[in-house]
N, C-alpha and C. Protein backbone atom coordinates (compact mmCIF):
# COMPACT_ATOMS: atom_id res chain seq x y z
N MET A 1 -15.28 124.82 -215.78
CA MET A 1 -14.14 125.15 -215.63
C MET A 1 -12.64 124.39 -215.17
N VAL A 2 -12.32 123.25 -216.29
CA VAL A 2 -11.10 122.62 -215.15
C VAL A 2 -10.25 123.38 -214.65
N LEU A 3 -9.46 123.23 -213.84
CA LEU A 3 -8.13 124.21 -213.26
C LEU A 3 -7.13 122.63 -213.16
N ILE A 4 -5.37 122.88 -213.63
CA ILE A 4 -4.90 121.45 -214.68
C ILE A 4 -3.93 122.95 -213.99
N VAL A 5 -2.67 121.81 -212.35
CA VAL A 5 -1.94 122.54 -212.24
C VAL A 5 -0.54 122.04 -212.42
N GLY A 6 0.55 121.88 -211.28
CA GLY A 6 2.19 121.62 -211.37
C GLY A 6 3.28 121.69 -211.94
N GLY A 7 4.30 121.16 -211.81
CA GLY A 7 4.98 121.81 -211.49
C GLY A 7 5.45 122.16 -213.61
N ALA A 8 6.64 122.66 -214.06
CA ALA A 8 7.19 123.17 -215.47
C ALA A 8 7.34 122.55 -215.62
N ALA A 9 6.99 122.05 -216.84
CA ALA A 9 6.85 121.07 -218.62
C ALA A 9 6.96 119.33 -217.50
N GLN A 10 5.85 119.37 -216.59
CA GLN A 10 4.77 118.25 -216.26
C GLN A 10 4.48 116.98 -216.88
N GLY A 11 4.14 117.94 -218.74
CA GLY A 11 3.17 117.57 -218.97
C GLY A 11 1.90 117.95 -219.20
N LYS A 12 1.36 119.32 -218.24
CA LYS A 12 0.07 119.45 -218.37
C LYS A 12 -0.50 120.37 -219.90
N ARG A 13 -0.49 120.20 -220.74
CA ARG A 13 -1.31 120.38 -221.43
C ARG A 13 -0.76 119.34 -222.09
N GLU A 14 -0.43 119.47 -222.30
CA GLU A 14 -0.39 117.18 -222.38
C GLU A 14 -1.06 116.13 -222.20
N PHE A 15 -1.44 116.47 -221.58
CA PHE A 15 -2.54 115.81 -220.20
C PHE A 15 -3.82 115.87 -220.55
N ALA A 16 -3.47 118.02 -220.97
CA ALA A 16 -4.87 118.67 -221.26
C ALA A 16 -5.71 117.90 -222.33
N ARG A 17 -4.40 117.54 -223.94
CA ARG A 17 -4.62 117.31 -225.20
C ARG A 17 -5.66 116.33 -225.52
N ARG A 18 -4.97 114.53 -224.35
CA ARG A 18 -5.36 113.28 -223.79
C ARG A 18 -6.64 113.66 -223.29
N GLU A 19 -6.66 114.19 -222.39
CA GLU A 19 -7.55 113.08 -221.25
C GLU A 19 -9.05 114.93 -221.25
N LEU A 20 -8.73 116.07 -222.06
CA LEU A 20 -9.62 117.11 -222.19
C LEU A 20 -10.17 117.03 -223.17
N GLY A 21 -9.43 116.72 -224.05
CA GLY A 21 -9.95 117.22 -226.36
C GLY A 21 -9.51 118.84 -225.75
N VAL A 22 -7.95 119.24 -225.60
CA VAL A 22 -7.73 120.69 -225.36
C VAL A 22 -7.01 120.98 -227.53
N ALA A 23 -7.59 121.35 -228.30
CA ALA A 23 -6.92 120.89 -229.16
C ALA A 23 -6.29 122.78 -229.38
N ALA A 24 -5.98 123.93 -229.23
CA ALA A 24 -5.53 124.74 -229.56
C ALA A 24 -6.00 125.34 -227.05
N TRP A 25 -4.81 126.69 -226.91
CA TRP A 25 -4.32 127.33 -226.19
C TRP A 25 -4.36 128.87 -226.64
N SER A 26 -4.59 129.48 -225.95
CA SER A 26 -3.60 131.07 -225.78
C SER A 26 -2.75 130.20 -224.96
N ASP A 27 -1.27 130.42 -225.05
CA ASP A 27 -0.15 130.45 -224.73
C ASP A 27 0.71 131.49 -223.72
N GLY A 28 0.92 131.69 -221.80
CA GLY A 28 0.85 133.20 -221.81
C GLY A 28 -0.23 134.35 -221.57
N VAL A 29 -1.13 133.73 -222.32
CA VAL A 29 -2.72 135.27 -222.02
C VAL A 29 -3.08 134.56 -221.86
N ILE A 30 -3.81 135.56 -221.46
CA ILE A 30 -5.62 135.19 -221.07
C ILE A 30 -6.99 136.28 -222.50
N GLY A 31 -7.18 134.74 -223.93
CA GLY A 31 -7.64 135.60 -224.97
C GLY A 31 -8.12 134.49 -225.16
N ALA A 32 -8.67 134.24 -227.39
CA ALA A 32 -10.10 134.31 -226.96
C ALA A 32 -10.47 131.96 -226.71
N GLU A 33 -9.43 131.81 -226.54
CA GLU A 33 -8.71 130.09 -227.83
C GLU A 33 -9.53 129.86 -225.92
N ASN A 34 -10.08 128.23 -225.56
CA ASN A 34 -11.00 127.71 -225.00
C ASN A 34 -9.56 127.12 -223.60
N CYS A 35 -8.98 128.10 -223.97
CA CYS A 35 -7.79 126.81 -223.07
C CYS A 35 -6.54 128.37 -223.01
N ILE A 36 -6.64 127.99 -221.12
CA ILE A 36 -4.95 129.35 -221.50
C ILE A 36 -3.90 128.70 -220.63
N ASP A 37 -3.27 128.02 -221.44
CA ASP A 37 -2.13 127.64 -220.88
C ASP A 37 -0.73 129.11 -220.56
N GLY A 38 -0.71 128.58 -219.05
CA GLY A 38 0.70 129.98 -218.41
C GLY A 38 -0.28 130.25 -217.60
N LEU A 39 -1.56 130.61 -216.98
CA LEU A 39 -1.95 130.96 -216.55
C LEU A 39 -0.99 132.42 -215.79
N HIS A 40 0.10 131.93 -214.70
CA HIS A 40 1.24 132.37 -214.85
C HIS A 40 2.09 133.12 -214.80
N ARG A 41 1.91 132.83 -216.52
CA ARG A 41 2.72 134.13 -216.74
C ARG A 41 1.56 135.32 -217.25
N ALA A 42 0.50 134.92 -217.17
CA ALA A 42 -0.71 136.02 -218.33
C ALA A 42 -0.96 137.01 -217.06
N LEU A 43 -0.38 136.44 -215.66
CA LEU A 43 -0.97 137.04 -213.80
C LEU A 43 0.55 137.96 -214.06
N ARG A 44 1.50 137.58 -214.47
CA ARG A 44 2.83 138.10 -214.15
C ARG A 44 2.58 139.72 -215.50
N HIS A 45 2.99 139.36 -216.70
CA HIS A 45 2.68 139.99 -217.54
C HIS A 45 1.79 140.85 -218.51
N GLN A 46 0.80 140.47 -218.22
CA GLN A 46 -1.03 140.56 -219.08
C GLN A 46 -1.37 142.11 -218.30
N PRO A 47 -2.09 142.92 -218.09
CA PRO A 47 -2.33 144.07 -217.35
C PRO A 47 -3.84 143.69 -217.99
N GLU A 48 -4.27 144.61 -216.27
CA GLU A 48 -5.38 144.18 -216.02
C GLU A 48 -5.95 142.53 -216.03
N ALA A 49 -4.80 141.44 -215.58
CA ALA A 49 -5.34 139.92 -216.43
C ALA A 49 -6.97 139.37 -215.45
N GLU A 50 -6.36 140.09 -213.99
CA GLU A 50 -7.76 139.79 -213.33
C GLU A 50 -9.48 139.98 -213.82
N ALA A 51 -9.38 141.28 -213.77
CA ALA A 51 -10.77 141.17 -214.69
C ALA A 51 -10.56 140.88 -216.29
N LEU A 52 -9.62 140.39 -217.66
CA LEU A 52 -9.66 139.72 -218.15
C LEU A 52 -9.75 138.82 -218.01
N LEU A 53 -9.92 137.69 -216.66
CA LEU A 53 -9.84 136.67 -216.00
C LEU A 53 -11.13 136.20 -215.55
N GLU A 54 -12.11 137.50 -215.19
CA GLU A 54 -13.15 137.37 -215.07
C GLU A 54 -14.52 136.81 -215.74
N ARG A 55 -13.44 137.69 -217.04
CA ARG A 55 -14.85 137.45 -218.62
C ARG A 55 -14.67 136.29 -218.93
N TRP A 56 -13.30 135.98 -218.98
CA TRP A 56 -13.12 134.80 -219.74
C TRP A 56 -13.39 133.53 -219.39
N LEU A 57 -13.74 133.83 -217.93
CA LEU A 57 -14.87 132.94 -217.18
C LEU A 57 -16.01 132.53 -217.29
N ALA A 58 -16.35 133.89 -217.53
CA ALA A 58 -17.15 134.11 -217.83
C ALA A 58 -18.16 133.29 -219.41
N GLU A 59 -17.03 134.41 -220.93
CA GLU A 59 -16.95 133.79 -221.72
C GLU A 59 -16.46 131.71 -221.95
N HIS A 60 -16.22 131.01 -221.08
CA HIS A 60 -15.31 129.70 -221.58
C HIS A 60 -15.65 129.18 -220.10
N PRO A 61 -17.25 129.17 -219.56
CA PRO A 61 -17.71 128.01 -218.65
C PRO A 61 -17.22 126.39 -218.46
N ASP A 62 -16.85 126.19 -219.08
CA ASP A 62 -16.68 124.90 -220.25
C ASP A 62 -15.03 125.20 -220.38
N GLY A 63 -13.94 126.26 -220.30
CA GLY A 63 -12.69 126.32 -220.99
C GLY A 63 -11.82 125.14 -219.81
N VAL A 64 -10.59 125.80 -220.08
CA VAL A 64 -9.32 124.51 -218.96
C VAL A 64 -8.25 125.36 -218.57
N ILE A 65 -8.22 125.86 -217.60
CA ILE A 65 -7.16 126.28 -217.35
C ILE A 65 -5.69 125.91 -216.63
N ILE A 66 -4.64 125.32 -217.42
CA ILE A 66 -3.61 125.35 -217.01
C ILE A 66 -2.23 126.54 -216.27
N CYS A 67 -2.12 126.12 -215.23
CA CYS A 67 -1.52 126.61 -214.18
C CYS A 67 -0.39 126.49 -213.99
N ASP A 68 1.73 126.79 -213.78
CA ASP A 68 2.36 125.94 -212.99
C ASP A 68 2.16 126.76 -212.07
N GLU A 69 2.70 125.79 -211.39
CA GLU A 69 3.15 125.77 -209.78
C GLU A 69 4.32 127.04 -209.59
N VAL A 70 3.58 127.76 -208.66
CA VAL A 70 5.32 127.90 -209.30
C VAL A 70 5.11 128.88 -206.87
N GLY A 71 5.34 128.06 -206.49
CA GLY A 71 5.26 128.84 -205.23
C GLY A 71 5.86 127.55 -204.81
N CYS A 72 5.99 126.18 -204.62
CA CYS A 72 6.50 125.91 -204.51
C CYS A 72 8.39 125.59 -204.39
N GLY A 73 8.48 125.24 -203.43
CA GLY A 73 10.88 124.87 -203.42
C GLY A 73 11.51 126.27 -202.60
N VAL A 74 12.39 126.82 -203.22
CA VAL A 74 13.09 128.21 -202.37
C VAL A 74 12.15 128.78 -202.97
N VAL A 75 12.40 130.38 -201.60
CA VAL A 75 12.14 131.81 -201.87
C VAL A 75 12.17 132.39 -201.66
N PRO A 76 12.10 132.86 -203.19
CA PRO A 76 12.93 134.44 -203.78
C PRO A 76 12.73 135.37 -202.74
N MET A 77 13.98 135.75 -202.94
CA MET A 77 15.17 137.55 -201.82
C MET A 77 13.95 138.37 -202.48
N ASP A 78 13.85 138.12 -203.90
CA ASP A 78 12.80 139.56 -204.54
C ASP A 78 11.17 139.93 -203.98
N ARG A 79 11.90 141.13 -203.00
CA ARG A 79 10.15 141.01 -202.38
C ARG A 79 8.74 140.77 -204.18
N GLU A 80 8.88 142.10 -205.66
CA GLU A 80 8.24 141.40 -206.46
C GLU A 80 7.65 139.82 -207.09
N GLU A 81 8.88 139.35 -206.76
CA GLU A 81 8.78 137.48 -206.97
C GLU A 81 8.49 136.52 -206.32
N ARG A 82 8.21 137.20 -204.57
CA ARG A 82 7.62 136.26 -203.58
C ARG A 82 6.11 137.19 -204.02
N ALA A 83 5.92 138.50 -204.48
CA ALA A 83 4.78 138.55 -204.79
C ALA A 83 3.74 138.23 -205.21
N TRP A 84 4.71 138.10 -206.71
CA TRP A 84 3.61 137.77 -207.36
C TRP A 84 3.65 136.62 -207.69
N ARG A 85 4.28 134.46 -206.65
CA ARG A 85 3.50 133.49 -206.24
C ARG A 85 2.70 133.86 -205.66
N GLU A 86 2.84 134.53 -204.75
CA GLU A 86 1.64 134.82 -204.09
C GLU A 86 0.13 135.17 -204.70
N HIS A 87 0.85 135.66 -205.19
CA HIS A 87 -0.99 136.61 -206.79
C HIS A 87 -1.19 135.23 -207.05
N VAL A 88 -0.30 134.11 -207.20
CA VAL A 88 -0.20 133.04 -208.40
C VAL A 88 -0.82 132.37 -207.69
N GLY A 89 -0.52 131.93 -206.37
CA GLY A 89 -1.20 130.52 -205.71
C GLY A 89 -2.84 131.09 -205.19
N ARG A 90 -2.95 132.55 -204.95
CA ARG A 90 -3.70 132.43 -204.58
C ARG A 90 -5.64 133.43 -206.02
N ALA A 91 -5.38 133.22 -207.03
CA ALA A 91 -5.97 132.89 -207.60
C ALA A 91 -6.28 131.58 -208.08
N CYS A 92 -5.20 131.07 -207.95
CA CYS A 92 -5.62 128.97 -208.21
C CYS A 92 -6.29 128.45 -207.48
N CYS A 93 -5.64 129.40 -206.01
CA CYS A 93 -6.87 129.35 -205.03
C CYS A 93 -8.45 128.95 -205.09
N ARG A 94 -8.73 131.05 -205.68
CA ARG A 94 -9.77 130.75 -206.00
C ARG A 94 -10.65 130.32 -207.38
N LEU A 95 -9.74 129.35 -208.24
CA LEU A 95 -10.09 128.73 -209.62
C LEU A 95 -10.29 127.59 -208.32
N ALA A 96 -9.67 126.21 -208.01
CA ALA A 96 -9.91 125.69 -207.88
C ALA A 96 -11.37 125.63 -206.72
N GLU A 97 -12.16 126.61 -205.86
CA GLU A 97 -13.08 126.83 -205.97
C GLU A 97 -14.20 126.80 -206.51
N ARG A 98 -14.00 127.34 -207.96
CA ARG A 98 -14.62 127.92 -208.97
C ARG A 98 -15.10 126.17 -210.01
N ALA A 99 -13.99 125.22 -210.00
CA ALA A 99 -13.63 124.77 -211.13
C ALA A 99 -14.42 123.43 -210.34
N ALA A 100 -15.13 122.62 -211.70
CA ALA A 100 -15.98 120.93 -211.05
C ALA A 100 -14.62 120.19 -211.81
N ALA A 101 -13.30 120.31 -212.26
CA ALA A 101 -12.55 120.06 -211.94
C ALA A 101 -11.28 119.78 -211.21
N VAL A 102 -10.38 120.11 -210.30
CA VAL A 102 -8.58 120.44 -210.83
C VAL A 102 -7.92 118.56 -210.63
N TYR A 103 -7.13 119.40 -211.30
CA TYR A 103 -5.73 118.15 -211.85
C TYR A 103 -4.81 118.33 -211.10
N ARG A 104 -4.20 117.60 -210.73
CA ARG A 104 -2.39 118.19 -210.69
C ARG A 104 -1.46 117.26 -211.45
N VAL A 105 -0.85 117.60 -212.43
CA VAL A 105 0.01 116.94 -213.33
C VAL A 105 2.07 116.62 -213.19
N THR A 106 1.97 115.57 -212.67
CA THR A 106 2.99 115.56 -212.67
C THR A 106 3.79 113.96 -213.21
N CYS A 107 5.10 114.21 -214.19
CA CYS A 107 5.39 113.32 -214.73
C CYS A 107 4.77 112.78 -216.34
N GLY A 108 2.88 113.57 -216.39
CA GLY A 108 3.08 113.72 -217.28
C GLY A 108 0.95 113.11 -217.18
N LEU A 109 0.96 112.81 -215.36
CA LEU A 109 0.05 111.38 -214.63
C LEU A 109 -0.35 113.32 -214.82
N GLY A 110 -2.21 112.92 -214.71
CA GLY A 110 -2.94 113.57 -214.04
C GLY A 110 -4.04 113.08 -211.97
N VAL A 111 -3.84 114.18 -211.97
CA VAL A 111 -4.26 112.46 -209.66
C VAL A 111 -5.58 113.76 -209.93
N ARG A 112 -7.17 113.93 -210.33
CA ARG A 112 -7.91 114.43 -209.52
C ARG A 112 -8.18 114.45 -209.13
N LEU A 113 -7.83 116.47 -208.07
CA LEU A 113 -8.33 116.62 -207.07
C LEU A 113 -9.39 116.50 -206.42
N LYS A 114 -9.78 117.66 -207.35
CA LYS A 114 -11.77 117.62 -207.08
C LYS A 114 -12.73 117.52 -207.99
């Protein structure tokens, strides 16, 4: 599995298409495609996202996961927003440990972290 992280609108999906050959993706949900674009949204809106993600990882060992970095910047006043950001960050840490490669994309340019 490959994990791609970076800020919003930084070209992560285009990087995945160009550099990794991604042709189809689930947008904001953990679906059947070999790429999840918007893991941060799936973790917020999709019930049982953690269990779905584990099943997806078993079914797509060569899959690609794209996630916005949501923990940088101003800390939200709302407790639920802070908890969601922490949840996304911890999920990305767990995924990075398991990933074959991790990229951070800024301005469409990917830097391999792992």
